[in-house]
Every structure is written in C-alpha cells, then in structure tokens.
C-alpha cells in the first residue's frame, strides 16, 4: 500500500493546476450550498485555499491519480 504524496502546487504548470482545480470543483456530489457560484469563482477560491495551506495537490502512486484534497481529508489519511 502506497502513501499519497503532497505535490507543491507552486511547482505545477498554471494551466495544469487550473485543470486540476476545475475538476475538483465540478466533481459530482460537490455541494456549495443554496447559492450557485460560478466555476471560475470556485477555481479562484480553491487556488486561495492552496496558497493558504488549507488544501493540497496530492499524487496517489497506487492509482496514478492527482487530486486536490482539503486539510481535513489529508488528516483522515494521516498526512
């Protein structure tokens, strides 16, 4: 069993990071409350979370996938 690796978001190409964040915010089952928020706004909110350390980009070697995870999700993984 492999351990997910936190990838410094600042090392990721801007366009690639934008795509990762957009996938994260448009994922099925993501709930942002009663008011609709534009995807571009959500992307900027997540980018700000990355900058503040409230979210991280994570590479999972076992599944060879990259995702954005919140600080709480990382805690659940023991990271």
N, C-alpha and C. Protein backbone atom coordinates (compact mmCIF):
# COMPACT_ATOMS: atom_id res chain seq x y z
N UNK A 1 0.84 -1.18 0.00
CA UNK A 1 0.00 0.00 0.00
C UNK A 1 0.89 1.24 0.00
N UNK A 2 0.65 2.14 -0.94
CA UNK A 2 1.48 3.33 -1.05
C UNK A 2 0.87 4.49 -0.28
N UNK A 3 1.70 5.45 0.04
CA UNK A 3 1.26 6.66 0.72
C UNK A 3 1.13 7.77 -0.30
N UNK A 4 0.01 8.47 -0.32
CA UNK A 4 -0.13 9.61 -1.24
C UNK A 4 0.96 10.65 -0.98
N UNK A 5 1.38 11.32 -2.04
CA UNK A 5 2.45 12.30 -1.96
C UNK A 5 1.88 13.70 -2.20
N UNK A 6 2.17 14.62 -1.30
CA UNK A 6 1.74 16.00 -1.48
C UNK A 6 2.70 16.67 -2.47
N UNK A 7 2.13 17.23 -3.52
CA UNK A 7 2.91 17.90 -4.56
C UNK A 7 2.78 19.42 -4.36
N UNK A 8 3.90 20.13 -4.27
CA UNK A 8 3.80 21.59 -4.11
C UNK A 8 3.02 22.20 -5.28
N UNK A 9 1.93 22.86 -5.00
CA UNK A 9 1.09 23.43 -6.05
C UNK A 9 1.86 24.44 -6.88
N UNK A 10 2.81 25.11 -6.27
CA UNK A 10 3.57 26.14 -6.99
C UNK A 10 4.52 25.54 -8.03
N UNK A 11 4.77 24.23 -7.95
CA UNK A 11 5.63 23.56 -8.93
C UNK A 11 4.86 23.08 -10.15
N UNK A 12 3.54 23.23 -10.13
CA UNK A 12 2.69 22.72 -11.21
C UNK A 12 2.42 23.84 -12.21
N UNK A 13 2.53 23.53 -13.49
CA UNK A 13 2.22 24.48 -14.56
C UNK A 13 0.84 25.09 -14.32
N UNK A 14 0.71 26.38 -14.57
CA UNK A 14 -0.55 27.10 -14.28
C UNK A 14 -1.75 26.45 -14.96
N UNK A 15 -1.64 26.12 -16.24
CA UNK A 15 -2.76 25.52 -16.97
C UNK A 15 -3.12 24.15 -16.39
N UNK A 16 -2.12 23.38 -16.02
CA UNK A 16 -2.37 22.06 -15.43
C UNK A 16 -3.06 22.22 -14.08
N UNK A 17 -2.58 23.16 -13.28
CA UNK A 17 -3.19 23.41 -11.98
C UNK A 17 -4.63 23.87 -12.15
N UNK A 18 -4.89 24.75 -13.11
CA UNK A 18 -6.25 25.20 -13.37
C UNK A 18 -7.16 24.02 -13.70
N UNK A 19 -6.66 23.10 -14.53
CA UNK A 19 -7.45 21.91 -14.88
C UNK A 19 -7.73 21.03 -13.67
N UNK A 20 -6.73 20.84 -12.82
CA UNK A 20 -6.91 20.04 -11.60
C UNK A 20 -7.96 20.67 -10.68
N UNK A 21 -7.84 21.97 -10.50
CA UNK A 21 -8.78 22.67 -9.62
C UNK A 21 -10.18 22.62 -10.21
N UNK A 22 -10.30 22.85 -11.51
CA UNK A 22 -11.62 22.82 -12.15
C UNK A 22 -12.27 21.44 -12.01
N UNK A 23 -11.48 20.38 -12.17
CA UNK A 23 -12.01 19.03 -11.98
C UNK A 23 -12.50 18.86 -10.55
N UNK A 24 -11.76 19.38 -9.60
CA UNK A 24 -12.11 19.28 -8.19
C UNK A 24 -13.43 19.98 -7.90
N UNK A 25 -13.61 21.19 -8.42
CA UNK A 25 -14.81 21.97 -8.09
C UNK A 25 -16.04 21.54 -8.88
N UNK A 26 -15.85 20.79 -9.95
CA UNK A 26 -17.00 20.35 -10.74
C UNK A 26 -17.33 18.88 -10.52
N UNK A 27 -16.64 18.26 -9.59
CA UNK A 27 -16.86 16.85 -9.28
C UNK A 27 -18.31 16.61 -8.86
N UNK A 28 -18.87 15.50 -9.29
CA UNK A 28 -20.24 15.14 -8.89
C UNK A 28 -20.31 15.02 -7.38
N UNK A 29 -21.40 15.53 -6.83
CA UNK A 29 -21.61 15.42 -5.39
C UNK A 29 -21.02 16.57 -4.60
N UNK A 30 -20.34 17.48 -5.26
CA UNK A 30 -19.80 18.64 -4.55
C UNK A 30 -20.94 19.61 -4.28
N UNK A 31 -21.10 20.01 -3.03
CA UNK A 31 -22.21 20.87 -2.63
C UNK A 31 -21.67 22.19 -2.12
N UNK A 32 -22.12 23.28 -2.73
CA UNK A 32 -21.67 24.60 -2.32
C UNK A 32 -22.78 25.41 -1.67
N UNK A 33 -23.85 24.74 -1.23
CA UNK A 33 -24.92 25.44 -0.56
C UNK A 33 -26.04 25.82 -1.48
N UNK A 34 -26.89 26.73 -1.00
CA UNK A 34 -28.09 27.11 -1.75
C UNK A 34 -27.80 28.01 -2.93
N UNK A 35 -26.77 28.83 -2.84
CA UNK A 35 -26.48 29.80 -3.89
C UNK A 35 -25.48 29.23 -4.89
N UNK A 36 -25.80 29.35 -6.18
CA UNK A 36 -24.88 28.90 -7.22
C UNK A 36 -23.68 29.84 -7.28
N UNK A 37 -22.51 29.27 -7.47
CA UNK A 37 -21.28 30.03 -7.59
C UNK A 37 -20.65 29.65 -8.92
N UNK A 38 -20.19 30.63 -9.68
CA UNK A 38 -19.57 30.37 -10.98
C UNK A 38 -18.33 29.51 -10.82
N UNK A 39 -18.09 28.64 -11.80
CA UNK A 39 -16.92 27.76 -11.76
C UNK A 39 -15.64 28.56 -11.61
N UNK A 40 -15.51 29.66 -12.33
CA UNK A 40 -14.29 30.47 -12.25
C UNK A 40 -14.08 31.00 -10.83
N UNK A 41 -15.16 31.36 -10.17
CA UNK A 41 -15.07 31.83 -8.78
C UNK A 41 -14.62 30.70 -7.87
N UNK A 42 -15.19 29.52 -8.07
CA UNK A 42 -14.81 28.35 -7.26
C UNK A 42 -13.33 28.03 -7.46
N UNK A 43 -12.86 28.10 -8.72
CA UNK A 43 -11.45 27.83 -9.01
C UNK A 43 -10.56 28.80 -8.24
N UNK A 44 -10.90 30.07 -8.25
CA UNK A 44 -10.10 31.06 -7.53
C UNK A 44 -10.15 30.84 -6.02
N UNK A 45 -11.30 30.40 -5.51
CA UNK A 45 -11.41 30.10 -4.08
C UNK A 45 -10.49 28.94 -3.69
N UNK A 46 -10.46 27.90 -4.53
CA UNK A 46 -9.59 26.75 -4.24
C UNK A 46 -8.13 27.15 -4.38
N UNK A 47 -7.81 27.97 -5.39
CA UNK A 47 -6.43 28.44 -5.54
C UNK A 47 -6.00 29.19 -4.27
N UNK A 48 -6.88 30.00 -3.72
CA UNK A 48 -6.58 30.72 -2.48
C UNK A 48 -6.39 29.74 -1.32
N UNK A 49 -7.20 28.67 -1.28
CA UNK A 49 -7.03 27.65 -0.24
C UNK A 49 -5.67 26.96 -0.36
N UNK A 50 -5.23 26.70 -1.59
CA UNK A 50 -3.91 26.11 -1.80
C UNK A 50 -2.83 27.05 -1.28
N UNK A 51 -2.94 28.32 -1.59
CA UNK A 51 -1.95 29.31 -1.15
C UNK A 51 -1.89 29.42 0.37
N UNK A 52 -3.07 29.28 1.02
CA UNK A 52 -3.13 29.38 2.49
C UNK A 52 -2.80 28.06 3.18
N UNK A 53 -2.63 26.99 2.41
CA UNK A 53 -2.33 25.68 3.00
C UNK A 53 -3.56 24.95 3.51
N UNK A 54 -4.75 25.41 3.12
CA UNK A 54 -6.00 24.75 3.53
C UNK A 54 -6.35 23.58 2.63
N UNK A 55 -5.67 23.48 1.49
CA UNK A 55 -5.86 22.38 0.55
C UNK A 55 -4.49 22.08 -0.06
N UNK A 56 -4.36 20.88 -0.61
CA UNK A 56 -3.10 20.46 -1.21
C UNK A 56 -3.37 19.64 -2.46
N UNK A 57 -2.38 19.61 -3.34
CA UNK A 57 -2.43 18.74 -4.51
C UNK A 57 -1.74 17.44 -4.09
N UNK A 58 -2.41 16.31 -4.34
CA UNK A 58 -1.92 15.03 -3.88
C UNK A 58 -1.82 14.05 -5.04
N UNK A 59 -0.68 13.35 -5.13
CA UNK A 59 -0.49 12.30 -6.12
C UNK A 59 -0.59 10.97 -5.40
N UNK A 60 -1.44 10.07 -5.92
CA UNK A 60 -1.59 8.73 -5.35
C UNK A 60 -0.89 7.75 -6.28
N UNK A 61 0.23 7.23 -5.84
CA UNK A 61 1.04 6.33 -6.64
C UNK A 61 0.30 5.03 -6.97
N UNK A 62 -0.53 4.57 -6.06
CA UNK A 62 -1.25 3.31 -6.27
C UNK A 62 -2.23 3.41 -7.43
N UNK A 63 -2.92 4.54 -7.53
CA UNK A 63 -3.92 4.72 -8.59
C UNK A 63 -3.42 5.60 -9.72
N UNK A 64 -2.21 6.17 -9.53
CA UNK A 64 -1.61 7.08 -10.50
C UNK A 64 -2.55 8.24 -10.85
N UNK A 65 -3.16 8.80 -9.80
CA UNK A 65 -4.07 9.93 -9.98
C UNK A 65 -3.58 11.12 -9.16
N UNK A 66 -4.00 12.29 -9.61
CA UNK A 66 -3.69 13.54 -8.91
C UNK A 66 -5.01 14.19 -8.56
N UNK A 67 -5.10 14.73 -7.34
CA UNK A 67 -6.33 15.35 -6.91
C UNK A 67 -6.02 16.50 -5.95
N UNK A 68 -7.01 17.33 -5.75
CA UNK A 68 -6.93 18.38 -4.72
C UNK A 68 -7.65 17.82 -3.50
N UNK A 69 -7.00 17.95 -2.35
CA UNK A 69 -7.61 17.46 -1.11
C UNK A 69 -7.57 18.56 -0.07
N UNK A 70 -8.61 18.61 0.75
CA UNK A 70 -8.65 19.59 1.83
C UNK A 70 -7.76 19.13 2.97
N UNK A 71 -7.47 20.05 3.86
CA UNK A 71 -6.66 19.72 5.03
C UNK A 71 -7.31 18.59 5.85
N UNK A 72 -8.65 18.63 5.95
CA UNK A 72 -9.37 17.61 6.71
C UNK A 72 -9.22 16.23 6.05
N UNK A 73 -9.31 16.19 4.71
CA UNK A 73 -9.14 14.92 4.00
C UNK A 73 -7.73 14.36 4.22
N UNK A 74 -6.74 15.24 4.22
CA UNK A 74 -5.37 14.80 4.45
C UNK A 74 -5.19 14.25 5.86
N UNK A 75 -5.83 14.90 6.83
CA UNK A 75 -5.77 14.40 8.22
C UNK A 75 -6.33 13.00 8.34
N UNK A 76 -7.46 12.77 7.61
CA UNK A 76 -8.07 11.44 7.64
C UNK A 76 -7.12 10.37 7.08
N UNK A 77 -6.25 10.76 6.16
CA UNK A 77 -5.26 9.84 5.59
C UNK A 77 -4.01 9.74 6.45
N UNK A 78 -3.94 10.57 7.48
CA UNK A 78 -2.77 10.58 8.35
C UNK A 78 -1.60 11.36 7.77
N UNK A 79 -1.89 12.28 6.87
CA UNK A 79 -0.82 13.10 6.26
C UNK A 79 -0.76 14.48 6.91
